[in-house]
Amino acid sequence: MQVNILEAKTNLSQLVKLIETGQEDSIIIARYGKPVAKLVLYNDVPAGRRIGIAKGKLKSPADLNQYNDEITAMLG
């Protein structure tokens, strides 16, 4: 599949979805009908480390839970 730059800008999310779902192997982006870029699935991108990123770096005070019963009573 080949698209021009304006179409690629306008529909980038849909074009990426076509690649991700395997409906297209690659998409050629053209300027004035001349291919200048190729959009392909890139499986080697490392997953981000968001979950647990601060594990072991934050400390909670020992008395953190001391008011739990009072707060529960206030909130019903």
N, C-alpha and C. Protein backbone atom coordinates (compact mmCIF):
# COMPACT_ATOMS: atom_id res chain seq x y z
N MET A 1 0.84 -1.16 0.00
CA MET A 1 0.00 0.00 0.00
C MET A 1 0.89 1.23 0.00
N GLN A 2 0.49 2.24 -0.78
CA GLN A 2 1.24 3.49 -0.82
C GLN A 2 0.29 4.65 -0.55
N VAL A 3 0.72 5.57 0.28
CA VAL A 3 -0.07 6.77 0.59
C VAL A 3 0.82 8.00 0.46
N ASN A 4 0.19 9.14 0.21
CA ASN A 4 0.99 10.36 0.16
C ASN A 4 1.16 10.91 1.58
N ILE A 5 2.04 11.86 1.74
CA ILE A 5 2.37 12.38 3.07
C ILE A 5 1.16 12.98 3.76
N LEU A 6 0.35 13.73 3.06
CA LEU A 6 -0.83 14.34 3.68
C LEU A 6 -1.78 13.27 4.21
N GLU A 7 -2.00 12.24 3.42
CA GLU A 7 -2.86 11.14 3.86
C GLU A 7 -2.25 10.43 5.06
N ALA A 8 -0.94 10.23 5.06
CA ALA A 8 -0.26 9.58 6.19
C ALA A 8 -0.39 10.42 7.45
N LYS A 9 -0.24 11.74 7.34
CA LYS A 9 -0.40 12.61 8.50
C LYS A 9 -1.82 12.56 9.04
N THR A 10 -2.77 12.61 8.15
CA THR A 10 -4.17 12.63 8.55
C THR A 10 -4.62 11.32 9.16
N ASN A 11 -4.10 10.20 8.66
CA ASN A 11 -4.59 8.88 9.06
C ASN A 11 -3.53 8.02 9.72
N LEU A 12 -2.56 8.64 10.39
CA LEU A 12 -1.45 7.88 10.95
C LEU A 12 -1.92 6.77 11.90
N SER A 13 -2.85 7.07 12.78
CA SER A 13 -3.33 6.06 13.73
C SER A 13 -3.92 4.85 13.01
N GLN A 14 -4.71 5.11 11.97
CA GLN A 14 -5.33 4.02 11.22
C GLN A 14 -4.28 3.22 10.45
N LEU A 15 -3.27 3.90 9.92
CA LEU A 15 -2.21 3.20 9.19
C LEU A 15 -1.41 2.31 10.13
N VAL A 16 -1.10 2.82 11.33
CA VAL A 16 -0.37 2.02 12.32
C VAL A 16 -1.21 0.80 12.71
N LYS A 17 -2.51 0.99 12.86
CA LYS A 17 -3.38 -0.13 13.22
C LYS A 17 -3.38 -1.20 12.13
N LEU A 18 -3.35 -0.79 10.87
CA LEU A 18 -3.28 -1.75 9.77
C LEU A 18 -2.01 -2.59 9.87
N ILE A 19 -0.91 -1.97 10.23
CA ILE A 19 0.36 -2.68 10.39
C ILE A 19 0.30 -3.60 11.60
N GLU A 20 -0.18 -3.08 12.74
CA GLU A 20 -0.23 -3.86 13.98
C GLU A 20 -1.11 -5.10 13.85
N THR A 21 -2.22 -4.97 13.16
CA THR A 21 -3.16 -6.09 13.02
C THR A 21 -2.77 -7.04 11.91
N GLY A 22 -1.75 -6.72 11.15
CA GLY A 22 -1.29 -7.61 10.08
C GLY A 22 -2.09 -7.47 8.79
N GLN A 23 -2.97 -6.48 8.71
CA GLN A 23 -3.74 -6.28 7.48
C GLN A 23 -2.84 -5.78 6.35
N GLU A 24 -1.75 -5.12 6.72
CA GLU A 24 -0.73 -4.68 5.76
C GLU A 24 0.64 -5.05 6.30
N ASP A 25 1.53 -5.52 5.44
CA ASP A 25 2.90 -5.83 5.85
C ASP A 25 3.73 -4.56 5.98
N SER A 26 3.49 -3.64 5.06
CA SER A 26 4.21 -2.37 5.08
C SER A 26 3.37 -1.33 4.35
N ILE A 27 3.64 -0.08 4.65
CA ILE A 27 2.97 1.03 3.99
C ILE A 27 4.05 2.00 3.53
N ILE A 28 4.05 2.29 2.26
CA ILE A 28 5.01 3.22 1.67
C ILE A 28 4.42 4.62 1.72
N ILE A 29 5.20 5.57 2.22
CA ILE A 29 4.78 6.97 2.25
C ILE A 29 5.53 7.69 1.14
N ALA A 30 4.76 8.38 0.28
CA ALA A 30 5.34 9.01 -0.89
C ALA A 30 5.16 10.52 -0.86
N ARG A 31 6.12 11.21 -1.47
CA ARG A 31 6.02 12.66 -1.70
C ARG A 31 6.04 12.87 -3.20
N TYR A 32 4.97 13.50 -3.70
CA TYR A 32 4.80 13.72 -5.14
C TYR A 32 4.91 12.41 -5.92
N GLY A 33 4.37 11.34 -5.34
CA GLY A 33 4.36 10.04 -6.01
C GLY A 33 5.66 9.25 -5.89
N LYS A 34 6.67 9.83 -5.28
CA LYS A 34 7.97 9.16 -5.13
C LYS A 34 8.09 8.62 -3.70
N PRO A 35 8.32 7.31 -3.53
CA PRO A 35 8.45 6.73 -2.18
C PRO A 35 9.61 7.36 -1.41
N VAL A 36 9.33 7.76 -0.16
CA VAL A 36 10.37 8.36 0.67
C VAL A 36 10.51 7.69 2.03
N ALA A 37 9.50 6.93 2.46
CA ALA A 37 9.56 6.27 3.77
C ALA A 37 8.71 5.02 3.73
N LYS A 38 9.01 4.10 4.66
CA LYS A 38 8.29 2.83 4.74
C LYS A 38 7.89 2.60 6.18
N LEU A 39 6.60 2.33 6.40
CA LEU A 39 6.07 2.04 7.72
C LEU A 39 5.94 0.53 7.85
N VAL A 40 6.66 -0.06 8.83
CA VAL A 40 6.63 -1.51 9.03
C VAL A 40 6.49 -1.81 10.51
N LEU A 41 6.09 -3.04 10.83
CA LEU A 41 6.00 -3.48 12.21
C LEU A 41 7.41 -3.71 12.75
N TYR A 42 7.68 -3.17 13.91
CA TYR A 42 9.00 -3.30 14.52
C TYR A 42 8.84 -4.02 15.84
N ASN A 43 9.15 -5.29 15.88
CA ASN A 43 8.95 -6.13 17.06
C ASN A 43 10.05 -6.04 18.10
N ASP A 44 11.14 -5.39 17.78
CA ASP A 44 12.28 -5.37 18.69
C ASP A 44 12.26 -4.22 19.68
N VAL A 45 11.16 -3.50 19.77
CA VAL A 45 11.08 -2.39 20.71
C VAL A 45 10.94 -2.95 22.13
N PRO A 46 11.86 -2.62 23.03
CA PRO A 46 11.76 -3.14 24.39
C PRO A 46 10.56 -2.55 25.12
N ALA A 47 9.92 -3.36 25.92
CA ALA A 47 8.76 -2.90 26.69
C ALA A 47 9.23 -1.91 27.75
N GLY A 48 8.43 -0.89 27.97
CA GLY A 48 8.76 0.11 28.98
C GLY A 48 8.64 -0.49 30.38
N ARG A 49 9.43 0.00 31.30
CA ARG A 49 9.39 -0.49 32.68
C ARG A 49 8.63 0.51 33.53
N ARG A 50 7.30 0.49 33.44
CA ARG A 50 6.49 1.43 34.20
C ARG A 50 6.05 0.83 35.53
N ILE A 51 5.61 -0.40 35.54
CA ILE A 51 5.12 -1.01 36.77
C ILE A 51 6.31 -1.32 37.68
N GLY A 52 6.24 -0.84 38.88
CA GLY A 52 7.30 -1.11 39.85
C GLY A 52 8.54 -0.26 39.65
N ILE A 53 8.43 0.81 38.89
CA ILE A 53 9.61 1.62 38.58
C ILE A 53 10.25 2.24 39.82
N ALA A 54 9.43 2.52 40.86
CA ALA A 54 9.96 3.14 42.07
C ALA A 54 10.09 2.15 43.22
N LYS A 55 9.96 0.87 42.93
CA LYS A 55 10.03 -0.14 43.98
C LYS A 55 11.36 -0.05 44.73
N GLY A 56 11.25 0.03 46.05
CA GLY A 56 12.44 0.11 46.89
C GLY A 56 13.01 1.51 47.04
N LYS A 57 12.45 2.49 46.33
CA LYS A 57 12.98 3.84 46.40
C LYS A 57 12.18 4.74 47.34
N LEU A 58 10.96 4.32 47.68
CA LEU A 58 10.11 5.12 48.55
C LEU A 58 9.90 4.39 49.87
N LYS A 59 9.87 5.14 50.94
CA LYS A 59 9.64 4.54 52.25
C LYS A 59 8.40 5.18 52.86
N SER A 60 7.54 4.34 53.42
CA SER A 60 6.34 4.86 54.09
C SER A 60 6.61 4.91 55.58
N PRO A 61 6.00 5.88 56.26
CA PRO A 61 6.23 6.00 57.71
C PRO A 61 5.63 4.81 58.44
N ALA A 62 6.21 4.47 59.57
CA ALA A 62 5.76 3.31 60.34
C ALA A 62 4.33 3.48 60.84
N ASP A 63 3.91 4.72 61.08
CA ASP A 63 2.57 4.96 61.62
C ASP A 63 1.55 5.30 60.52
N LEU A 64 1.80 4.89 59.30
CA LEU A 64 0.94 5.21 58.17
C LEU A 64 -0.51 4.78 58.39
N ASN A 65 -0.72 3.64 58.99
CA ASN A 65 -2.07 3.10 59.15
C ASN A 65 -2.71 3.41 60.50
N GLN A 66 -2.12 4.27 61.29
CA GLN A 66 -2.62 4.48 62.65
C GLN A 66 -4.02 5.10 62.68
N TYR A 67 -4.44 5.84 61.66
CA TYR A 67 -5.74 6.49 61.67
C TYR A 67 -6.78 5.77 60.79
N ASN A 68 -6.49 4.58 60.35
CA ASN A 68 -7.42 3.85 59.47
C ASN A 68 -8.80 3.67 60.09
N ASP A 69 -8.87 3.30 61.35
CA ASP A 69 -10.16 3.09 62.00
C ASP A 69 -10.97 4.39 62.09
N GLU A 70 -10.30 5.49 62.40
CA GLU A 70 -11.00 6.78 62.48
C GLU A 70 -11.52 7.21 61.12
N ILE A 71 -10.70 7.04 60.10
CA ILE A 71 -11.10 7.43 58.76
C ILE A 71 -12.27 6.56 58.27
N THR A 72 -12.21 5.29 58.56
CA THR A 72 -13.30 4.39 58.19
C THR A 72 -14.60 4.79 58.89
N ALA A 73 -14.53 5.17 60.15
CA ALA A 73 -15.71 5.60 60.91
C ALA A 73 -16.27 6.90 60.31
N MET A 74 -15.40 7.82 59.92
CA MET A 74 -15.87 9.09 59.35
C MET A 74 -16.54 8.89 58.00
N LEU A 75 -16.02 7.96 57.20
CA LEU A 75 -16.57 7.74 55.87
C LEU A 75 -17.75 6.78 55.86
N GLY A 76 -17.98 6.14 56.97
CA GLY A 76 -19.14 5.27 57.09
C GLY A 76 -18.86 3.94 56.54
